[in-house]
Structure formats: C-alpha cells, structure tokens
C-alpha cells in the first residue's frame, strides 16, 4: 500500500511537471516562430513598398537615423537599419495580370537562378496565398494595376536557429524533468510520511484492539455456554451467542484487512485452482438450501494457478457468502470457473430484483453498504468485498461487478500463470 502510494505520488508530480514543461516549451517556441515570421513579413512589406528593393539609408556616420530624414525613424522602429540590405538575401519576380513573368531580379541572392525564381513564383501564384513558404523562402505577393510583384526572402538561418532553439529547449526540459523525477523519488517518502504514520497507527490500533477484544469475547462466549448448560436455552442466551459470533467475525475480517495492507510477502505456489474453487464452493450448497436458495457450480477441470491457495479459497467464500446473503428468495446462485481468452475467469452471479444504489464499484470500499437496512438483516459489515478486492490486488487480478436484467455478477479475471 505504501509503495503504491509513493509510486502514485511520484507519477502525479512528474506528470504535472511534464505538462507544465510542454506548455512552457510550446509557448516559447510558438512565440519565437511568430517573432521570426513577423520580422520576415515586415521586410517583405518594406521591399514591396519600395518596388522590390530595400531602402538605401546612405552613410550618415550615425547609428541612429537623423531626425530631419522623413520615414527613417519608422524603419528603425520596424527593425530595419542601414546594414539590413547587406545581410538580407532575397529575389523578386514581376508578372503581368495574366501571370506571365516580365522581370526577374536575383542580384541580391547567390543560391537562386532565374529559372528557379520563375518556378517558385509560378507555384506561389498557383497556391493563391498572399503570404507563405516555398521551401526555405518566405514570400509575399502584391497585386496592382500592372500585375503581380512577388518577393522571396531567404530564411535559411532563421529556420536553423528555430530548429536549434527547439532542440535546446527540449533538451533542457528533458534534463529538468529527469532531475526533478529523481529528487521527487528520493524525497517522496518524506513527503508522504504523515500519511504513512497515520496508516501505520491505524493498522496498529486495529491489530491491538482485535487481540484485546478476543479475550473478553472468549469469556463472554464461555459464560453464555455455562448459562445455557445451567439455566437452559433462552432467547437472551441465544442473542449473546449470536452477537458474540458476529463480533468475532468482524474482528477476524478487520485483522485480515490489516494483514493485506501490510503487503506481507507471501510465497506463491502453483496449485490446482479448479479443485480449490470447487471444494470452497461446495460448502455453500447446504447453506444456500437452508435459506431457500440454490447453488449451481460449473468448474472447468485442471486449471492451475500460481498464488496463495488459502487466499483464493477465502475469495470464493467471500463472493459466495455475499451472494447467499443478498440473492432473491428462491433464486439460483451460479458460480463458474473457466479458462477463456488466455485468462482465468471466475464468475459469481445471483438474482437481485433491486439494483444496489450508487456506483457499483463502491461495493469494494471498506464499510460501504449499498442498503444499510438490508445489511443489518443479513449481518453484513461492508468488509467482505473489500477483502476480496485486496486479495485480487495481491494476486494481480482484476475484480469487477455489473448489474444486468435483475442479475448482479462479480467477475475475477486472473492472468494464466
């Protein structure tokens, strides 16, 4: 139980950090891409405004634009400076209204020939977009009365920077996730120490109280038998004996739960599950008949299983005891054990005209009773099914319950071992 709690704690912490990193890394990279595209689009817009050229600032001897030159301050605000024309690689293509190419300028780029430029321009016009990508080139299309002007900027360095930024951010995020995972795993025991202490105190209390109560119960039971021998049987003596028996059963179940929580390492052995199930189930035939019900047993022969035979017998007893208690009067309880779909399936079903209220999966919770009044009549405490769930968990089995057409079925699926 404690190991499972630590694993869940570590898993939740690491998963939470992973989701946060995904959001942060994704957002940072999206902002980086947006800024790079915006810068390229600004360059494209300025080139188009200047009829396919970047503006010439001239040599003023100043890093900032002179105040008396109109328009240059706006260019600086957009990230354009006198050095931009010397570091920006681009080419332009002009066409008429029909799309026929009339001018190609590749003087500002070395990697593109006139034929390449014509091919890129034709493809861009066919796509019909004002802006887009053509391999490593960001382009924009402008239309006026004379035709189309297409400007392509080489963004190779930007794309490489974008890719490197993504790789570096992913590497940093992954490294951080690994480091935090190790730290969380190391300090998880300290983080859940209050929960562990509370659970240990609870188990210790149950164990101590159970053993302490056993002695007075034995004395009460012995006194009741003496009274019955000396004074004869009476409803008061019978009541004392019945309540003593119920309380003894309750203590036994509580101690069993405490034992399963401690995750005692049991040495599993291979045994004949078919024989164990049939032997445990056959003892309920008479009990069911005494309560006006019947029990049908269908067990496939020679099914072997690796586990604790005593616990598996207890599992069958719990499920059948529950079925006998809550089956409709005159109903037939069915138990089956089969090997199907490469797994072992144990099914216990009984007629139940009234569907249990609430979520059926809560039937496996401790002290949960779907119908408290009926549980008092049958002597249930809401512990048996939780013990069955604990036994299944210790054997890596799955237990489930469903209600369909007036029949409630408990199914245990065990891996073939």
Protein backbone atom coordinates (compact mmCIF):
# COMPACT_ATOMS: atom_id res chain seq x y z
CA UNK A 1 0.00 0.00 0.00
CA UNK A 2 2.78 2.43 0.95
CA UNK A 3 4.78 1.55 -2.18
CA UNK A 4 1.72 2.14 -4.35
CA UNK A 5 1.13 5.47 -2.63
CA UNK A 6 4.73 6.54 -3.26
CA UNK A 7 4.52 5.49 -6.91
CA UNK A 8 1.30 7.45 -7.37
CA UNK A 9 2.82 10.49 -5.67
CA UNK A 10 5.92 10.39 -7.89
CA UNK A 11 3.85 9.75 -11.02
CA UNK A 12 1.49 12.65 -10.33
CA UNK A 13 4.37 15.03 -9.55
CA UNK A 14 6.35 14.06 -12.67
CA UNK A 15 3.27 14.12 -14.90
CA UNK A 16 2.33 17.58 -13.59
CA UNK A 17 5.83 18.88 -14.28
CA UNK A 18 5.78 17.29 -17.74
CA UNK A 19 2.52 19.05 -18.63
CA UNK A 20 3.86 22.38 -17.35
CA UNK A 21 7.05 21.96 -19.39
CA UNK A 22 5.06 21.07 -22.51
CA UNK A 23 3.03 24.27 -22.13
CA UNK A 24 6.09 26.45 -21.40
CA UNK A 25 8.33 25.00 -24.13
CA UNK A 26 5.50 25.00 -26.65
CA UNK A 27 4.58 28.61 -25.84
CA UNK A 28 8.19 29.84 -26.01
CA UNK A 29 8.78 28.15 -29.37
CA UNK A 30 5.49 29.44 -30.78
CA UNK A 31 6.44 32.98 -29.73
CA UNK A 32 9.87 32.53 -31.31
CA UNK A 33 8.32 31.36 -34.59
CA UNK A 34 5.80 34.21 -34.53
CA UNK A 35 8.51 36.84 -33.98
CA UNK A 36 10.69 35.45 -36.77
CA UNK A 37 7.77 35.35 -39.18
CA UNK A 38 6.76 38.90 -38.19
CA UNK A 39 10.28 40.15 -38.85
CA UNK A 40 10.32 38.46 -42.27
CA UNK A 41 6.85 39.83 -43.10
CA UNK A 42 8.00 43.36 -42.18
CA UNK A 43 10.95 43.01 -44.54
CA UNK A 44 8.68 41.72 -47.30
CA UNK A 45 6.26 44.61 -46.81
CA UNK A 46 9.06 47.20 -46.98
CA UNK A 47 10.58 45.61 -50.10
CA UNK A 48 7.17 45.63 -51.78
CA UNK A 49 6.61 49.28 -50.78
CA UNK A 50 9.95 50.17 -52.39
CA UNK A 51 9.10 48.34 -55.62
CA UNK A 52 11.31 45.31 -54.98
CA UNK A 53 14.22 46.98 -53.19
CA UNK A 54 15.28 47.59 -49.63
CA UNK A 55 15.63 51.33 -48.90
CA UNK A 56 19.07 52.92 -49.01
CA UNK A 57 19.85 54.86 -45.83
CA UNK A 58 23.08 56.32 -47.07
CA UNK A 59 26.13 56.89 -44.90
CA UNK A 60 25.34 59.44 -42.22
CA UNK A 61 28.02 58.43 -39.74
CA UNK A 62 25.41 57.84 -37.07
CA UNK A 63 23.93 54.65 -35.64
CA UNK A 64 20.51 56.29 -35.32
CA UNK A 65 18.57 57.97 -38.16
CA UNK A 66 18.82 61.74 -38.50
CA UNK A 67 15.64 63.43 -37.31
CA UNK A 68 15.38 65.51 -40.49
CA UNK A 69 15.12 62.50 -42.84
CA UNK A 70 11.43 61.54 -43.07
CA UNK A 71 10.46 57.86 -42.79
CA UNK A 72 13.77 56.51 -41.50
CA UNK A 73 12.72 56.53 -37.85
CA UNK A 74 9.74 54.31 -38.74
CA UNK A 75 12.11 51.91 -40.50
CA UNK A 76 14.32 51.71 -37.42
CA UNK A 77 11.24 51.02 -35.31
CA UNK A 78 10.48 48.04 -37.56
CA UNK A 79 14.00 46.66 -37.16
CA UNK A 80 15.35 47.96 -40.47
CA UNK A 81 18.74 49.69 -40.42
CA UNK A 82 21.49 50.58 -42.93
CA UNK A 83 23.02 47.09 -42.58
CA UNK A 84 19.82 45.24 -43.37
CA UNK A 85 20.23 45.40 -47.14
CA UNK A 86 23.66 43.80 -46.86
CA UNK A 87 22.58 40.82 -44.74
CA UNK A 88 19.20 40.10 -46.33
CA UNK A 89 19.16 37.62 -49.21
CA UNK A 90 16.10 37.95 -51.45
CA UNK A 91 14.87 37.90 -55.03
CA UNK A 92 11.85 39.38 -56.79
CA UNK A 93 9.62 38.40 -59.68
CA UNK A 94 7.22 40.66 -61.57
CA UNK A 95 4.38 39.40 -63.75
CA UNK A 96 1.53 40.92 -65.72
CA UNK A 97 -2.14 40.47 -64.81
CA UNK A 98 -2.23 37.11 -66.61
CA UNK A 99 0.70 35.79 -64.55
CA UNK A 100 3.23 36.00 -67.37
CA UNK A 101 6.69 36.73 -65.96
CA UNK A 102 8.11 40.02 -67.22
CA UNK A 103 11.02 40.65 -64.81
CA UNK A 104 13.22 38.53 -62.51
CA UNK A 105 15.79 40.09 -60.15
CA UNK A 106 18.22 37.68 -58.44
CA UNK A 107 21.02 40.20 -57.89
CA UNK A 108 20.60 40.04 -54.10
CA UNK A 109 20.93 36.28 -53.78
CA UNK A 110 23.50 33.74 -54.98
CA UNK A 111 21.70 30.43 -54.47
CA UNK A 112 18.82 31.10 -56.90
CA UNK A 113 18.91 31.20 -60.69
CA UNK A 114 16.36 32.92 -62.91
CA UNK A 115 14.77 29.56 -63.71
CA UNK A 116 14.49 28.71 -60.02
CA UNK A 117 12.91 32.08 -59.31
CA UNK A 118 10.40 31.60 -62.12
CA UNK A 119 9.45 28.16 -60.78
CA UNK A 120 8.95 29.48 -57.22
CA UNK A 121 6.85 32.40 -58.49
CA UNK A 122 4.64 30.17 -60.64
CA UNK A 123 3.98 27.84 -57.72
CA UNK A 124 3.20 30.75 -55.39
CA UNK A 125 0.67 32.21 -57.86
CA UNK A 126 -0.97 28.79 -58.25
CA UNK A 127 -1.33 28.49 -54.48
CA UNK A 128 -3.20 31.79 -54.44
CA UNK A 129 -1.92 32.90 -50.99
CA UNK A 130 -0.74 36.43 -50.16
CA UNK A 131 1.95 35.01 -47.86
CA UNK A 132 3.53 31.61 -47.47
CA UNK A 133 6.58 29.38 -47.59
CA UNK A 134 8.43 27.95 -50.55
CA UNK A 135 10.99 25.59 -49.04
CA UNK A 136 13.45 27.88 -47.18
CA UNK A 137 11.94 31.08 -48.55
CA UNK A 138 9.25 33.26 -47.03
CA UNK A 139 7.30 35.09 -49.72
CA UNK A 140 4.64 37.74 -50.15
CA UNK A 141 2.52 38.58 -53.20
CA UNK A 142 1.36 42.10 -54.07
CA UNK A 143 -1.04 43.00 -56.88
CA UNK A 144 -1.55 46.35 -58.58
CA UNK A 145 -2.86 47.60 -61.91
CA UNK A 146 0.31 46.49 -63.70
CA UNK A 147 0.32 42.91 -62.40
CA UNK A 148 1.93 40.97 -59.55
CA UNK A 149 5.09 41.56 -57.54
CA UNK A 150 6.43 38.52 -55.69
CA UNK A 151 9.22 38.90 -53.12
CA UNK A 152 11.08 35.91 -51.67
CA UNK A 153 13.39 36.22 -48.62
CA UNK A 154 15.94 33.55 -47.75
CA UNK A 155 15.09 32.44 -44.16
CA UNK A 156 17.56 29.59 -44.01
CA UNK A 157 19.42 30.98 -41.00
CA UNK A 158 16.17 31.73 -39.20
CA UNK A 159 14.90 28.19 -39.73
CA UNK A 160 18.18 26.73 -38.48
CA UNK A 161 18.02 28.99 -35.42
CA UNK A 162 14.40 27.96 -34.87
CA UNK A 163 15.31 24.28 -35.04
CA UNK A 164 18.31 24.69 -32.72
CA UNK A 165 16.19 26.64 -30.25
CA UNK A 166 13.60 23.84 -30.24
CA UNK A 167 16.26 21.15 -29.69
CA UNK A 168 17.93 23.10 -26.89
CA UNK A 169 14.65 23.85 -25.12
CA UNK A 170 13.59 20.19 -25.37
CA UNK A 171 16.96 19.04 -24.04
CA UNK A 172 16.78 21.47 -21.11
CA UNK A 173 13.19 20.47 -20.39
CA UNK A 174 14.01 16.76 -20.52
CA UNK A 175 17.06 17.23 -18.27
CA UNK A 176 14.97 19.19 -15.80
CA UNK A 177 12.29 16.51 -15.85
CA UNK A 178 14.85 13.78 -15.13
CA UNK A 179 16.45 15.74 -12.29
CA UNK A 180 13.10 16.58 -10.70
CA UNK A 181 11.93 12.98 -11.10
CA UNK A 182 15.00 11.75 -9.21
CA UNK A 183 14.53 14.36 -6.48
CA UNK A 184 10.82 13.56 -6.12
CA UNK A 185 11.57 9.84 -5.95
CA UNK A 186 14.23 10.44 -3.28
CA UNK A 187 12.13 12.76 -1.13
CA UNK A 188 8.72 11.16 -1.77
CA UNK A 189 8.93 9.07 1.39
CA UNK A 190 9.46 12.20 3.45
CA UNK A 191 6.58 13.95 1.69
CA UNK A 192 4.09 11.19 2.45
CA UNK A 193 5.49 10.42 5.90
CA UNK A 194 2.42 11.84 7.72
CA UNK A 195 0.16 9.58 5.65
CA UNK A 196 2.39 6.58 6.33
CA UNK A 197 2.41 7.27 10.05
CA UNK A 198 -1.37 7.62 10.08
CA UNK A 199 -1.80 4.33 8.21
CA UNK A 200 0.63 2.54 10.49
CA UNK A 201 -1.13 3.85 13.59
CA UNK A 202 -4.46 2.75 12.15
CA UNK A 203 -3.18 -0.76 11.41
CA UNK A 204 -1.53 -0.98 14.83
CA UNK A 205 -4.74 0.10 16.51
CA UNK A 206 -6.79 -2.48 14.60
CA UNK A 207 -4.31 -5.22 15.44
CA UNK A 208 -4.03 -4.29 19.13
CA UNK A 209 -7.77 -3.75 19.55
CA UNK A 210 -8.56 -7.01 17.77
CA UNK A 211 -6.31 -9.04 20.02
CA UNK A 212 -7.52 -7.24 23.15
CA UNK A 213 -11.18 -7.81 22.29
CA UNK A 214 -10.65 -11.51 21.61
CA UNK A 215 -10.13 -12.27 25.31
CA UNK A 216 -13.38 -10.75 26.66
CA UNK A 217 -15.27 -12.25 23.71
CA UNK A 218 -13.96 -15.69 24.60
CA UNK A 219 -15.03 -15.14 28.22
CA UNK A 220 -18.48 -13.93 27.19
CA UNK A 221 -18.89 -16.89 24.86
CA UNK A 222 -17.82 -19.31 27.62
CA UNK A 223 -20.18 -17.70 30.13
CA UNK A 224 -23.03 -17.95 27.65
CA UNK A 225 -22.40 -21.66 27.22
CA UNK A 226 -22.34 -22.11 31.02
CA UNK A 227 -25.63 -20.24 31.32
CA UNK A 228 -27.11 -22.45 28.62
CA UNK A 229 -25.98 -25.59 30.47
CA UNK A 230 -27.19 -24.45 33.88
CA UNK A 231 -30.28 -22.39 33.08
CA UNK A 232 -31.25 -23.89 29.77
CA UNK A 233 -31.59 -22.26 26.38
CA UNK A 234 -33.34 -18.88 26.15
CA UNK A 235 -33.64 -16.04 23.69
CA UNK A 236 -31.22 -13.96 25.79
CA UNK A 237 -28.53 -16.61 25.76
CA UNK A 238 -29.03 -17.17 22.04
CA UNK A 239 -28.77 -13.42 21.45
CA UNK A 240 -25.50 -13.25 23.42
CA UNK A 241 -24.04 -16.15 21.43
CA UNK A 242 -25.15 -14.70 18.08
CA UNK A 243 -23.78 -11.24 18.80
CA UNK A 244 -20.54 -12.72 20.10
CA UNK A 245 -20.19 -14.73 16.91
CA UNK A 246 -20.85 -11.66 14.77
CA UNK A 247 -18.35 -9.57 16.69
CA UNK A 248 -15.73 -12.33 16.41
CA UNK A 249 -16.28 -12.47 12.65
CA UNK A 250 -15.95 -8.70 12.40
CA UNK A 251 -12.64 -8.72 14.29
CA UNK A 252 -11.38 -11.54 12.06
CA UNK A 253 -12.19 -9.51 8.94
CA UNK A 254 -10.56 -6.37 10.35
CA UNK A 255 -7.37 -8.28 11.10
CA UNK A 256 -7.44 -9.74 7.60
CA UNK A 257 -7.68 -6.25 6.11
CA UNK A 258 -4.82 -5.07 8.28
CA UNK A 259 -2.73 -8.02 7.12
CA UNK A 260 -3.38 -7.33 3.42
CA UNK A 261 -2.43 -3.66 3.91
CA UNK A 262 0.93 -4.68 5.29
CA UNK A 263 1.72 -6.32 1.93
CA UNK A 264 3.24 -9.39 3.56
CA UNK A 265 5.36 -11.22 1.01
CA UNK A 266 3.60 -14.49 0.51
CA UNK A 267 5.36 -17.35 -1.22
CA UNK A 268 3.11 -18.20 -4.14
CA UNK A 269 2.92 -21.79 -5.26
CA UNK A 270 1.30 -23.49 -8.20
CA UNK A 271 -1.85 -25.39 -7.24
CA UNK A 272 -4.99 -26.83 -8.81
CA UNK A 273 -7.36 -23.88 -8.77
CA UNK A 274 -10.27 -25.98 -10.04
CA UNK A 275 -10.14 -28.28 -7.02
CA UNK A 276 -9.72 -25.37 -4.58
CA UNK A 277 -12.67 -23.44 -6.02
CA UNK A 278 -14.95 -26.46 -6.15
CA UNK A 279 -14.06 -27.51 -2.61
CA UNK A 280 -14.65 -24.00 -1.23
CA UNK A 281 -17.89 -23.56 -3.18
CA UNK A 282 -19.42 -26.94 -2.34
CA UNK A 283 -19.57 -25.96 1.33
CA UNK A 284 -22.17 -23.30 0.47
CA UNK A 285 -24.65 -25.70 -1.16
CA UNK A 286 -26.24 -26.62 2.17
CA UNK A 287 -26.14 -23.02 3.42
CA UNK A 288 -27.92 -21.78 0.30
CA UNK A 289 -30.55 -24.52 0.55
CA UNK A 290 -31.22 -23.65 4.22
CA UNK A 291 -32.12 -20.14 3.12
CA UNK A 292 -34.41 -21.24 0.31
CA UNK A 293 -31.88 -20.72 -2.47
CA UNK A 294 -29.84 -22.97 -4.73
CA UNK A 295 -26.23 -23.01 -5.85
CA UNK A 296 -25.06 -24.24 -9.26
CA UNK A 297 -21.32 -24.90 -9.63
CA UNK A 298 -19.64 -25.07 -13.05
CA UNK A 299 -15.88 -25.53 -12.73
CA UNK A 300 -13.61 -26.41 -15.61
CA UNK A 301 -11.20 -29.18 -14.68
CA UNK A 302 -7.44 -28.96 -14.15
CA UNK A 303 -6.99 -25.20 -14.19
CA UNK A 304 -3.69 -24.40 -12.50
CA UNK A 305 -2.80 -21.11 -10.87
CA UNK A 306 0.22 -19.70 -9.03
CA UNK A 307 -0.72 -17.96 -5.82
CA UNK A 308 -1.83 -18.38 -2.23
CA UNK A 309 -4.34 -21.23 -2.20
CA UNK A 310 -5.76 -20.22 1.17
CA UNK A 311 -6.44 -16.67 -0.03
CA UNK A 312 -8.11 -17.90 -3.22
CA UNK A 313 -10.36 -20.17 -1.19
CA UNK A 314 -11.22 -17.19 1.00
CA UNK A 315 -12.01 -15.15 -2.11
CA UNK A 316 -14.51 -17.77 -3.29
CA UNK A 317 -16.04 -17.95 0.18
CA UNK A 318 -16.48 -14.18 0.37
CA UNK A 319 -18.17 -13.94 -3.03
CA UNK A 320 -20.49 -16.87 -2.33
CA UNK A 321 -21.30 -15.67 1.18
CA UNK A 322 -22.24 -12.31 -0.30
CA UNK A 323 -24.36 -14.00 -2.98
CA UNK A 324 -26.19 -16.19 -0.46
CA UNK A 325 -26.94 -13.19 1.73
CA UNK A 326 -28.29 -10.91 -0.97
CA UNK A 327 -29.79 -13.26 -3.58
CA UNK A 328 -33.57 -13.09 -4.01
CA UNK A 329 -35.57 -15.72 -2.15
CA UNK A 330 -35.87 -18.87 -4.24
CA UNK A 331 -33.15 -17.65 -6.62
CA UNK A 332 -30.34 -19.67 -8.15
CA UNK A 333 -26.75 -18.65 -7.45
CA UNK A 334 -24.26 -19.56 -10.17
CA UNK A 335 -20.51 -19.99 -9.83
CA UNK A 336 -18.33 -20.70 -12.85
CA UNK A 337 -14.60 -21.07 -13.36
CA UNK A 338 -13.34 -21.16 -16.92
CA UNK A 339 -10.19 -20.58 -18.93
CA UNK A 340 -11.08 -18.15 -21.71
CA UNK A 341 -9.20 -15.63 -23.86
CA UNK A 342 -5.85 -16.63 -22.34
CA UNK A 343 -7.02 -15.79 -18.83
CA UNK A 344 -8.84 -17.42 -15.94
CA UNK A 345 -12.35 -16.13 -15.26
CA UNK A 346 -14.25 -16.70 -12.03
CA UNK A 347 -17.88 -15.54 -12.10
CA UNK A 348 -20.36 -15.48 -9.23
CA UNK A 349 -23.83 -14.23 -10.06
CA UNK A 350 -27.13 -14.16 -8.23
CA UNK A 351 -30.61 -12.79 -8.93
CA UNK A 352 -31.20 -9.38 -7.37
CA UNK A 353 -34.51 -7.75 -8.20
CA UNK A 354 -33.48 -4.39 -6.71
CA UNK A 355 -30.35 -2.82 -8.16
CA UNK A 356 -27.91 -1.63 -5.49
CA UNK A 357 -27.99 2.15 -5.25
CA UNK A 358 -24.98 4.28 -6.17
CA UNK A 359 -21.81 3.39 -8.00
CA UNK A 360 -21.36 -0.39 -8.01
CA UNK A 361 -17.58 -0.07 -7.82
CA UNK A 362 -18.03 1.37 -4.32
CA UNK A 363 -19.13 -2.05 -3.13
CA UNK A 364 -15.40 -2.81 -2.79
CA UNK A 365 -14.86 0.15 -0.43
CA UNK A 366 -14.42 -0.63 3.23
CA UNK A 367 -17.56 -0.47 5.34
CA UNK A 368 -19.64 0.61 2.35
CA UNK A 369 -23.14 -0.87 2.25
CA UNK A 370 -25.49 -0.05 -0.58
CA UNK A 371 -28.54 -0.89 1.56
CA UNK A 372 -27.86 -0.41 5.27
CA UNK A 373 -31.20 -1.78 6.43
CA UNK A 374 -30.79 -4.98 4.44
CA UNK A 375 -27.20 -5.33 5.58
CA UNK A 376 -28.34 -5.28 9.17
CA UNK A 377 -30.80 -8.04 8.40
CA UNK A 378 -28.16 -10.22 6.73
CA UNK A 379 -25.36 -9.37 9.15
CA UNK A 380 -23.13 -7.57 6.66
CA UNK A 381 -20.48 -5.07 7.71
CA UNK A 382 -19.26 -3.89 4.32
CA UNK A 383 -15.86 -5.54 4.81
CA UNK A 384 -16.01 -8.82 2.90
CA UNK A 385 -15.84 -7.39 -0.61
CA UNK A 386 -13.01 -5.05 0.35
CA UNK A 387 -11.07 -8.12 1.50
CA UNK A 388 -11.87 -9.78 -1.84
CA UNK A 389 -10.51 -6.71 -3.63
CA UNK A 390 -7.34 -6.80 -1.52
CA UNK A 391 -6.82 -10.50 -2.31
CA UNK A 392 -7.25 -9.82 -6.03
CA UNK A 393 -4.79 -6.92 -5.92
CA UNK A 394 -2.17 -9.06 -4.17
CA UNK A 395 -2.52 -11.67 -6.96
CA UNK A 396 -2.52 -9.13 -9.83
CA UNK A 397 -6.14 -10.00 -10.62
CA UNK A 398 -9.00 -7.72 -11.65
CA UNK A 399 -12.34 -7.86 -9.88
CA UNK A 400 -15.42 -6.09 -11.22
CA UNK A 401 -19.17 -6.04 -10.71
CA UNK A 402 -22.07 -5.38 -13.04
CA UNK A 403 -25.85 -5.42 -12.83
CA UNK A 404 -27.88 -6.52 -15.82
CA UNK A 405 -31.51 -7.65 -16.16
CA UNK A 406 -32.02 -8.34 -12.48
CA UNK A 407 -28.75 -10.27 -12.04
CA UNK A 408 -25.64 -8.99 -10.27
CA UNK A 409 -22.35 -10.58 -11.32
CA UNK A 410 -18.93 -10.43 -9.69
CA UNK A 411 -16.13 -11.31 -12.10
CA UNK A 412 -12.50 -12.03 -11.26
CA UNK A 413 -10.04 -12.13 -14.17
CA UNK A 414 -6.69 -13.70 -13.36
CA UNK A 415 -3.69 -13.99 -15.64
CA UNK A 416 -2.70 -17.51 -16.56
CA UNK A 417 0.48 -18.35 -14.67
